[in-house]
PDB file of N, CA and C in Angstrom:
ATOM      1  N   MET A   1     -61.990  28.737 -91.544  1.00  0.00           N
ATOM      2  CA  MET A   1     -62.550  27.067 -92.152  1.00  0.00           C
ATOM      3  C   MET A   1     -61.209  27.089 -91.092  1.00  0.00           C
ATOM      4  N   HIS A   2     -60.842  27.685 -91.197  1.00  0.00           N
ATOM      5  CA  HIS A   2     -58.664  26.853 -90.082  1.00  0.00           C
ATOM      6  C   HIS A   2     -58.570  26.968 -89.299  1.00  0.00           C
ATOM      7  N   ASN A   3     -59.308  27.593 -88.861  1.00  0.00           N
ATOM      8  CA  ASN A   3     -59.676  27.267 -86.610  1.00  0.00           C
ATOM      9  C   ASN A   3     -60.772  26.552 -86.384  1.00  0.00           C
ATOM     10  N   GLN A   4     -62.111  25.861 -87.089  1.00  0.00           N
ATOM     11  CA  GLN A   4     -62.500  24.684 -87.067  1.00  0.00           C
ATOM     12  C   GLN A   4     -61.707  23.022 -87.052  1.00  0.00           C
ATOM     13  N   PHE A   5     -60.722  23.260 -88.369  1.00  0.00           N
ATOM     14  CA  PHE A   5     -59.891  22.717 -88.246  1.00  0.00           C
ATOM     15  C   PHE A   5     -59.066  21.816 -86.863  1.00  0.00           C
ATOM     16  N   LYS A   6     -58.709  23.450 -86.397  1.00  0.00           N
ATOM     17  CA  LYS A   6     -57.801  23.918 -85.187  1.00  0.00           C
ATOM     18  C   LYS A   6     -58.414  23.191 -84.079  1.00  0.00           C
ATOM     19  N   ALA A   7     -60.018  23.463 -83.566  1.00  0.00           N
ATOM     20  CA  ALA A   7     -60.701  23.136 -82.683  1.00  0.00           C
ATOM     21  C   ALA A   7     -60.741  21.661 -82.743  1.00  0.00           C
ATOM     22  N   LYS A   8     -60.634  20.090 -84.017  1.00  0.00           N
ATOM     23  CA  LYS A   8     -60.950  19.384 -84.021  1.00  0.00           C
ATOM     24  C   LYS A   8     -60.243  18.820 -83.810  1.00  0.00           C
ATOM     25  N   SER A   9     -58.553  19.079 -84.310  1.00  0.00           N
ATOM     26  CA  SER A   9     -57.447  18.889 -84.015  1.00  0.00           C
ATOM     27  C   SER A   9     -57.449  18.652 -82.939  1.00  0.00           C
ATOM     28  N   THR A  10     -57.738  19.265 -82.225  1.00  0.00           N
ATOM     29  CA  THR A  10     -57.179  19.631 -79.951  1.00  0.00           C
ATOM     30  C   THR A  10     -58.475  18.563 -79.654  1.00  0.00           C
ATOM     31  N   ILE A  11     -59.459  18.536 -80.252  1.00  0.00           N
ATOM     32  CA  ILE A  11     -61.043  17.204 -79.295  1.00  0.00           C
ATOM     33  C   ILE A  11     -59.754  15.879 -79.912  1.00  0.00           C
ATOM     34  N   LEU A  12     -59.523  16.305 -80.934  1.00  0.00           N
ATOM     35  CA  LEU A  12     -58.615  14.287 -81.515  1.00  0.00           C
ATOM     36  C   LEU A  12     -57.898  14.150 -79.958  1.00  0.00           C
ATOM     37  N   ILE A  13     -56.605  15.211 -79.947  1.00  0.00           N
ATOM     38  CA  ILE A  13     -55.968  14.690 -79.519  1.00  0.00           C
ATOM     39  C   ILE A  13     -55.658  13.830 -78.113  1.00  0.00           C
ATOM     40  N   VAL A  14     -56.763  15.045 -77.313  1.00  0.00           N
ATOM     41  CA  VAL A  14     -57.196  15.474 -76.226  1.00  0.00           C
ATOM     42  C   VAL A  14     -57.590  13.523 -75.877  1.00  0.00           C
ATOM     43  N   VAL A  15     -58.508  13.602 -76.289  1.00  0.00           N
ATOM     44  CA  VAL A  15     -59.948  12.197 -76.937  1.00  0.00           C
ATOM     45  C   VAL A  15     -59.003  10.842 -76.603  1.00  0.00           C
ATOM     46  N   ILE A  16     -57.980  11.576 -77.943  1.00  0.00           N
ATOM     47  CA  ILE A  16     -56.514  10.328 -77.869  1.00  0.00           C
ATOM     48  C   ILE A  16     -56.177  10.059 -76.662  1.00  0.00           C
ATOM     49  N   LEU A  17     -55.017  10.717 -75.486  1.00  0.00           N
ATOM     50  CA  LEU A  17     -54.593  10.897 -74.774  1.00  0.00           C
ATOM     51  C   LEU A  17     -55.223  10.249 -73.477  1.00  0.00           C
ATOM     52  N   VAL A  18     -56.674  10.390 -73.355  1.00  0.00           N
ATOM     53  CA  VAL A  18     -57.690  10.156 -72.985  1.00  0.00           C
ATOM     54  C   VAL A  18     -57.533   8.246 -72.491  1.00  0.00           C
ATOM     55  N   VAL A  19     -57.295   8.412 -73.861  1.00  0.00           N
ATOM     56  CA  VAL A  19     -57.999   6.970 -73.661  1.00  0.00           C
ATOM     57  C   VAL A  19     -56.149   5.574 -73.825  1.00  0.00           C
ATOM     58  N   ILE A  20     -55.554   6.767 -73.982  1.00  0.00           N
ATOM     59  CA  ILE A  20     -53.310   6.040 -73.608  1.00  0.00           C
ATOM     60  C   ILE A  20     -53.555   5.949 -71.975  1.00  0.00           C
ATOM     61  N   ILE A  21     -53.882   6.749 -71.557  1.00  0.00           N
ATOM     62  CA  ILE A  21     -54.013   7.187 -71.051  1.00  0.00           C
ATOM     63  C   ILE A  21     -55.095   5.979 -69.696  1.00  0.00           C
ATOM     64  N   ALA A  22     -56.861   5.650 -69.991  1.00  0.00           N
ATOM     65  CA  ALA A  22     -57.581   4.983 -69.356  1.00  0.00           C
ATOM     66  C   ALA A  22     -56.648   3.710 -70.009  1.00  0.00           C
ATOM     67  N   VAL A  23     -55.773   2.991 -71.156  1.00  0.00           N
ATOM     68  CA  VAL A  23     -56.033   2.454 -70.831  1.00  0.00           C
ATOM     69  C   VAL A  23     -54.423   1.307 -70.590  1.00  0.00           C
ATOM     70  N   ILE A  24     -53.452   2.750 -70.486  1.00  0.00           N
ATOM     71  CA  ILE A  24     -52.512   2.305 -69.663  1.00  0.00           C
ATOM     72  C   ILE A  24     -53.067   2.283 -67.907  1.00  0.00           C
ATOM     73  N   GLY A  25     -53.801   3.119 -67.241  1.00  0.00           N
ATOM     74  CA  GLY A  25     -54.322   2.710 -65.742  1.00  0.00           C
ATOM     75  C   GLY A  25     -55.381   2.224 -65.825  1.00  0.00           C
ATOM     76  N   GLY A  26     -55.535   0.939 -66.621  1.00  0.00           N
ATOM     77  CA  GLY A  26     -56.895  -0.238 -66.198  1.00  0.00           C
ATOM     78  C   GLY A  26     -55.866  -1.375 -66.461  1.00  0.00           C
ATOM     79  N   TYR A  27     -54.820  -0.937 -67.316  1.00  0.00           N
ATOM     80  CA  TYR A  27     -53.176  -2.713 -67.179  1.00  0.00           C
ATOM     81  C   TYR A  27     -52.439  -1.610 -65.630  1.00  0.00           C
ATOM     82  N   LEU A  28     -52.320  -1.661 -65.244  1.00  0.00           N
ATOM     83  CA  LEU A  28     -51.745  -0.916 -64.599  1.00  0.00           C
ATOM     84  C   LEU A  28     -52.488  -2.138 -63.176  1.00  0.00           C
ATOM     85  N   TRP A  29     -54.022  -1.210 -63.067  1.00  0.00           N
ATOM     86  CA  TRP A  29     -54.861  -1.679 -61.936  1.00  0.00           C
ATOM     87  C   TRP A  29     -54.836  -2.925 -62.211  1.00  0.00           C
ATOM     88  N   TRP A  30     -54.760  -4.019 -63.325  1.00  0.00           N
ATOM     89  CA  TRP A  30     -54.930  -5.861 -63.375  1.00  0.00           C
ATOM     90  C   TRP A  30     -54.181  -6.649 -63.129  1.00  0.00           C
ATOM     91  N   GLN A  31     -52.776  -5.547 -63.007  1.00  0.00           N
ATOM     92  CA  GLN A  31     -51.788  -5.630 -63.134  1.00  0.00           C
ATOM     93  C   GLN A  31     -51.608  -6.050 -60.765  1.00  0.00           C
ATOM     94  N   LYS A  32     -52.263  -4.748 -61.047  1.00  0.00           N
ATOM     95  CA  LYS A  32     -51.848  -4.822 -59.391  1.00  0.00           C
ATOM     96  C   LYS A  32     -53.037  -6.597 -58.650  1.00  0.00           C
ATOM     97  N   HIS A  33     -54.206  -6.393 -59.573  1.00  0.00           N
ATOM     98  CA  HIS A  33     -54.830  -7.111 -59.452  1.00  0.00           C
ATOM     99  C   HIS A  33     -54.947  -8.938 -58.820  1.00  0.00           C
ATOM    100  N   SER A  34     -54.189  -8.934 -59.960  1.00  0.00           N
ATOM    101  CA  SER A  34     -53.735 -10.157 -60.481  1.00  0.00           C
ATOM    102  C   SER A  34     -52.812 -10.680 -59.195  1.00  0.00           C
ATOM    103  N   GLN A  35     -51.740  -9.447 -58.837  1.00  0.00           N
ATOM    104  CA  GLN A  35     -50.932 -10.092 -57.813  1.00  0.00           C
ATOM    105  C   GLN A  35     -51.457  -9.970 -57.204  1.00  0.00           C
ATOM    106  N   ASN A  36     -51.694  -9.652 -55.860  1.00  0.00           N
ATOM    107  CA  ASN A  36     -52.765  -9.611 -54.783  1.00  0.00           C
ATOM    108  C   ASN A  36     -53.739 -10.794 -54.754  1.00  0.00           C
ATOM    109  N   ALA A  37     -53.857 -11.382 -55.518  1.00  0.00           N
ATOM    110  CA  ALA A  37     -54.642 -12.669 -55.812  1.00  0.00           C
ATOM    111  C   ALA A  37     -53.662 -13.760 -55.999  1.00  0.00           C
ATOM    112  N   GLY A  38     -52.679 -13.467 -56.843  1.00  0.00           N
ATOM    113  CA  GLY A  38     -51.803 -14.304 -57.041  1.00  0.00           C
ATOM    114  C   GLY A  38     -51.473 -14.908 -55.520  1.00  0.00           C
ATOM    115  N   LEU A  39     -51.418 -13.988 -54.147  1.00  0.00           N
ATOM    116  CA  LEU A  39     -51.176 -14.559 -52.578  1.00  0.00           C
ATOM    117  C   LEU A  39     -51.625 -14.701 -51.965  1.00  0.00           C
ATOM    118  N   LYS A  40     -52.954 -14.481 -52.358  1.00  0.00           N
ATOM    119  CA  LYS A  40     -54.465 -15.133 -51.751  1.00  0.00           C
ATOM    120  C   LYS A  40     -54.524 -17.084 -51.647  1.00  0.00           C
ATOM    121  N   THR A  41     -53.257 -17.029 -52.423  1.00  0.00           N
ATOM    122  CA  THR A  41     -53.342 -18.653 -52.799  1.00  0.00           C
ATOM    123  C   THR A  41     -52.027 -19.659 -52.244  1.00  0.00           C
ATOM    124  N   THR A  42     -52.760 -20.479 -52.406  1.00  0.00           N
ATOM    125  CA  THR A  42     -50.840 -21.391 -51.835  1.00  0.00           C
ATOM    126  C   THR A  42     -50.236 -22.089 -52.233  1.00  0.00           C
ATOM    127  N   THR A  43     -48.960 -21.769 -52.098  1.00  0.00           N
ATOM    128  CA  THR A  43     -48.664 -21.888 -53.286  1.00  0.00           C
ATOM    129  C   THR A  43     -47.384 -22.994 -52.499  1.00  0.00           C
ATOM    130  N   THR A  44     -47.325 -23.682 -53.308  1.00  0.00           N
ATOM    131  CA  THR A  44     -46.143 -25.111 -52.577  1.00  0.00           C
ATOM    132  C   THR A  44     -44.997 -25.247 -53.282  1.00  0.00           C
ATOM    133  N   THR A  45     -43.868 -25.434 -52.932  1.00  0.00           N
ATOM    134  CA  THR A  45     -42.432 -25.413 -53.199  1.00  0.00           C
ATOM    135  C   THR A  45     -41.821 -26.797 -53.158  1.00  0.00           C
ATOM    136  N   THR A  46     -41.659 -27.285 -54.328  1.00  0.00           N
ATOM    137  CA  THR A  46     -40.754 -28.585 -55.189  1.00  0.00           C
ATOM    138  C   THR A  46     -39.354 -28.769 -53.822  1.00  0.00           C
ATOM    139  N   PRO A  47     -38.878 -29.360 -53.039  1.00  0.00           N
ATOM    140  CA  PRO A  47     -37.722 -29.040 -52.390  1.00  0.00           C
ATOM    141  C   PRO A  47     -36.950 -29.426 -53.844  1.00  0.00           C
ATOM    142  N   THR A  48     -35.297 -28.901 -54.243  1.00  0.00           N
ATOM    143  CA  THR A  48     -34.725 -29.776 -54.930  1.00  0.00           C
ATOM    144  C   THR A  48     -33.577 -30.951 -54.845  1.00  0.00           C
ATOM    145  N   ILE A  49     -33.682 -30.918 -55.902  1.00  0.00           N
ATOM    146  CA  ILE A  49     -32.449 -32.521 -55.097  1.00  0.00           C
ATOM    147  C   ILE A  49     -31.188 -32.130 -56.276  1.00  0.00           C
ATOM    148  N   THR A  50     -29.802 -32.432 -54.856  1.00  0.00           N
ATOM    149  CA  THR A  50     -28.939 -32.577 -55.938  1.00  0.00           C
ATOM    150  C   THR A  50     -27.972 -33.470 -55.623  1.00  0.00           C
ATOM    151  N   ILE A  51     -27.659 -34.181 -57.419  1.00  0.00           N
ATOM    152  CA  ILE A  51     -27.375 -35.809 -56.821  1.00  0.00           C
ATOM    153  C   ILE A  51     -25.705 -34.955 -57.182  1.00  0.00           C
ATOM    154  N   GLN A  52     -24.323 -34.945 -57.088  1.00  0.00           N
ATOM    155  CA  GLN A  52     -23.387 -35.577 -57.253  1.00  0.00           C
ATOM    156  C   GLN A  52     -23.069 -36.831 -57.210  1.00  0.00           C
ATOM    157  N   LYS A  53     -21.792 -36.794 -58.598  1.00  0.00           N
ATOM    158  CA  LYS A  53     -21.074 -37.700 -58.600  1.00  0.00           C
ATOM    159  C   LYS A  53     -19.792 -38.118 -58.213  1.00  0.00           C
ATOM    160  N   PRO A  54     -19.066 -39.579 -57.359  1.00  0.00           N
ATOM    161  CA  PRO A  54     -18.194 -39.677 -56.047  1.00  0.00           C
ATOM    162  C   PRO A  54     -17.587 -39.637 -56.904  1.00  0.00           C
ATOM    163  N   THR A  55     -16.167 -38.741 -56.683  1.00  0.00           N
ATOM    164  CA  THR A  55     -15.264 -38.280 -56.745  1.00  0.00           C
ATOM    165  C   THR A  55     -14.415 -39.622 -56.776  1.00  0.00           C
ATOM    166  N   THR A  56     -13.547 -39.495 -57.308  1.00  0.00           N
ATOM    167  CA  THR A  56     -12.297 -41.128 -57.775  1.00  0.00           C
ATOM    168  C   THR A  56     -11.226 -40.357 -58.070  1.00  0.00           C
ATOM    169  N   THR A  57     -10.271 -41.324 -57.130  1.00  0.00           N
ATOM    170  CA  THR A  57      -9.245 -41.039 -57.683  1.00  0.00           C
ATOM    171  C   THR A  57      -8.234 -42.505 -57.757  1.00  0.00           C
ATOM    172  N   THR A  58      -7.466 -41.736 -58.051  1.00  0.00           N
ATOM    173  CA  THR A  58      -6.155 -42.941 -58.951  1.00  0.00           C
ATOM    174  C   THR A  58      -5.257 -43.481 -57.892  1.00  0.00           C
ATOM    175  N   THR A  59      -4.607 -44.401 -57.495  1.00  0.00           N
ATOM    176  CA  THR A  59      -2.910 -44.348 -56.832  1.00  0.00           C
ATOM    177  C   THR A  59      -2.586 -44.670 -57.880  1.00  0.00           C
ATOM    178  N   GLU A  60      -1.090 -44.400 -58.430  1.00  0.00           N
ATOM    179  CA  GLU A  60       0.030 -45.591 -58.837  1.00  0.00           C
ATOM    180  C   GLU A  60       0.474 -45.600 -57.535  1.00  0.00           C
ATOM    181  N   ILE A  61       0.757 -47.517 -58.053  1.00  0.00           N
ATOM    182  CA  ILE A  61       1.386 -48.351 -57.026  1.00  0.00           C
ATOM    183  C   ILE A  61       2.554 -48.442 -58.586  1.00  0.00           C
ATOM    184  N   THR A  62       3.950 -48.221 -57.577  1.00  0.00           N
ATOM    185  CA  THR A  62       5.088 -48.871 -58.216  1.00  0.00           C
ATOM    186  C   THR A  62       5.294 -49.481 -57.142  1.00  0.00           C
ATOM    187  N   THR A  63       5.940 -50.717 -57.774  1.00  0.00           N
ATOM    188  CA  THR A  63       6.722 -51.833 -57.026  1.00  0.00           C
ATOM    189  C   THR A  63       7.481 -51.725 -57.713  1.00  0.00           C
ATOM    190  N   ILE A  64       9.250 -51.914 -56.253  1.00  0.00           N
ATOM    191  CA  ILE A  64      10.032 -51.398 -56.783  1.00  0.00           C
ATOM    192  C   ILE A  64      11.183 -53.150 -56.293  1.00  0.00           C
ATOM    193  N   THR A  65      11.604 -54.124 -56.996  1.00  0.00           N
ATOM    194  CA  THR A  65      12.038 -55.567 -57.448  1.00  0.00           C
ATOM    195  C   THR A  65      13.874 -55.256 -57.277  1.00  0.00           C
ATOM    196  N   LYS A  66      14.502 -55.881 -56.427  1.00  0.00           N
ATOM    197  CA  LYS A  66      15.345 -56.392 -56.673  1.00  0.00           C
ATOM    198  C   LYS A  66      16.052 -57.124 -57.694  1.00  0.00           C
ATOM    199  N   PRO A  67      17.593 -57.003 -58.167  1.00  0.00           N
ATOM    200  CA  PRO A  67      17.493 -57.518 -58.999  1.00  0.00           C
ATOM    201  C   PRO A  67      18.287 -59.195 -58.693  1.00  0.00           C
ATOM    202  N   LYS A  68      17.834 -59.950 -59.630  1.00  0.00           N
ATOM    203  CA  LYS A  68      18.230 -61.300 -58.721  1.00  0.00           C
ATOM    204  C   LYS A  68      20.136 -61.545 -59.155  1.00  0.00           C
ATOM    205  N   THR A  69      20.151 -61.938 -57.923  1.00  0.00           N
ATOM    206  CA  THR A  69      21.567 -61.553 -57.928  1.00  0.00           C
ATOM    207  C   THR A  69      22.588 -63.007 -57.785  1.00  0.00           C
ATOM    208  N   THR A  70      23.489 -63.194 -59.542  1.00  0.00           N
ATOM    209  CA  THR A  70      23.934 -64.601 -59.506  1.00  0.00           C
ATOM    210  C   THR A  70      25.920 -64.239 -58.768  1.00  0.00           C
ATOM    211  N   THR A  71      25.567 -65.764 -58.000  1.00  0.00           N
ATOM    212  CA  THR A  71      27.401 -65.393 -57.880  1.00  0.00           C
ATOM    213  C   THR A  71      28.169 -66.948 -58.460  1.00  0.00           C
ATOM    214  N   THR A  72      28.954 -66.005 -59.275  1.00  0.00           N
ATOM    215  CA  THR A  72      29.850 -67.344 -60.487  1.00  0.00           C
ATOM    216  C   THR A  72      31.693 -67.595 -59.056  1.00  0.00           C
ATOM    217  N   THR A  73      31.737 -68.181 -59.345  1.00  0.00           N
ATOM    218  CA  THR A  73      32.834 -69.158 -58.379  1.00  0.00           C
ATOM    219  C   THR A  73      33.771 -69.710 -59.594  1.00  0.00           C
ATOM    220  N   ARG A  74      35.102 -68.765 -59.882  1.00  0.00           N
ATOM    221  CA  ARG A  74      35.790 -68.999 -60.615  1.00  0.00           C
ATOM    222  C   ARG A  74      37.055 -70.312 -59.890  1.00  0.00           C
ATOM    223  N   LYS A  75      36.803 -71.466 -61.294  1.00  0.00           N
ATOM    224  CA  LYS A  75      37.635 -72.640 -60.213  1.00  0.00           C
ATOM    225  C   LYS A  75      39.059 -72.477 -61.044  1.00  0.00           C
ATOM    226  N   THR A  76      39.823 -71.715 -59.901  1.00  0.00           N
ATOM    227  CA  THR A  76      41.674 -72.355 -60.653  1.00  0.00           C
ATOM    228  C   THR A  76      41.808 -73.367 -60.287  1.00  0.00           C
ATOM    229  N   THR A  77      42.818 -73.361 -61.686  1.00  0.00           N
ATOM    230  CA  THR A  77      43.368 -75.099 -61.202  1.00  0.00           C
ATOM    231  C   THR A  77      44.868 -73.922 -61.662  1.00  0.00           C
ATOM    232  N   THR A  78      45.612 -75.159 -60.325  1.00  0.00           N
ATOM    233  CA  THR A  78      47.093 -74.852 -60.747  1.00  0.00           C
ATOM    234  C   THR A  78      47.624 -75.719 -61.314  1.00  0.00           C
ATOM    235  N   THR A  79      49.007 -75.717 -62.162  1.00  0.00           N
ATOM    236  CA  THR A  79      49.362 -77.006 -62.672  1.00  0.00           C
ATOM    237  C   THR A  79      51.503 -76.531 -62.215  1.00  0.00           C
ATOM    238  N   THR A  80      51.907 -77.251 -61.291  1.00  0.00           N
ATOM    239  CA  THR A  80      53.218 -77.047 -61.177  1.00  0.00           C
ATOM    240  C   THR A  80      53.889 -77.708 -61.670  1.00  0.00           C
ATOM    241  N   LYS A  81      54.983 -77.476 -62.803  1.00  0.00           N
ATOM    242  CA  LYS A  81      55.727 -78.857 -62.989  1.00  0.00           C
ATOM    243  C   LYS A  81      56.750 -78.858 -62.023  1.00  0.00           C
ATOM    244  N   VAL A  82      56.711 -80.236 -61.859  1.00  0.00           N
ATOM    245  CA  VAL A  82      57.285 -80.646 -60.536  1.00  0.00           C
ATOM    246  C   VAL A  82      59.115 -81.257 -61.282  1.00  0.00           C
ATOM    247  N   ALA A  83      60.288 -81.062 -61.113  1.00  0.00           N
ATOM    248  CA  ALA A  83      61.529 -81.408 -62.286  1.00  0.00           C
ATOM    249  C   ALA A  83      61.900 -82.696 -61.485  1.00  0.00           C
ATOM    250  N   HIS A  84      61.853 -83.502 -62.125  1.00  0.00           N
ATOM    251  CA  HIS A  84      63.051 -85.132 -62.126  1.00  0.00           C
ATOM    252  C   HIS A  84      63.609 -85.425 -63.029  1.00  0.00           C
TER     253      HIS A  84
END
């Protein structure tokens, strides 16, 4: 009885491996077929437009003004005493 179970488990493992290999092979074949079909179609590309904001520069203008000059005129009065 032990030998029958061993034989059935070996057959089951082989069947599972064959199914796994078939699934992987079918998937790879389908991927390759899809890529080749994709190459036959016409692809269009849309140009990309990049808009850049203009750069602004700030210039600081410093105005130097001359101070107003005031001239003061001093009048001096001299008094001389004359002896009589």
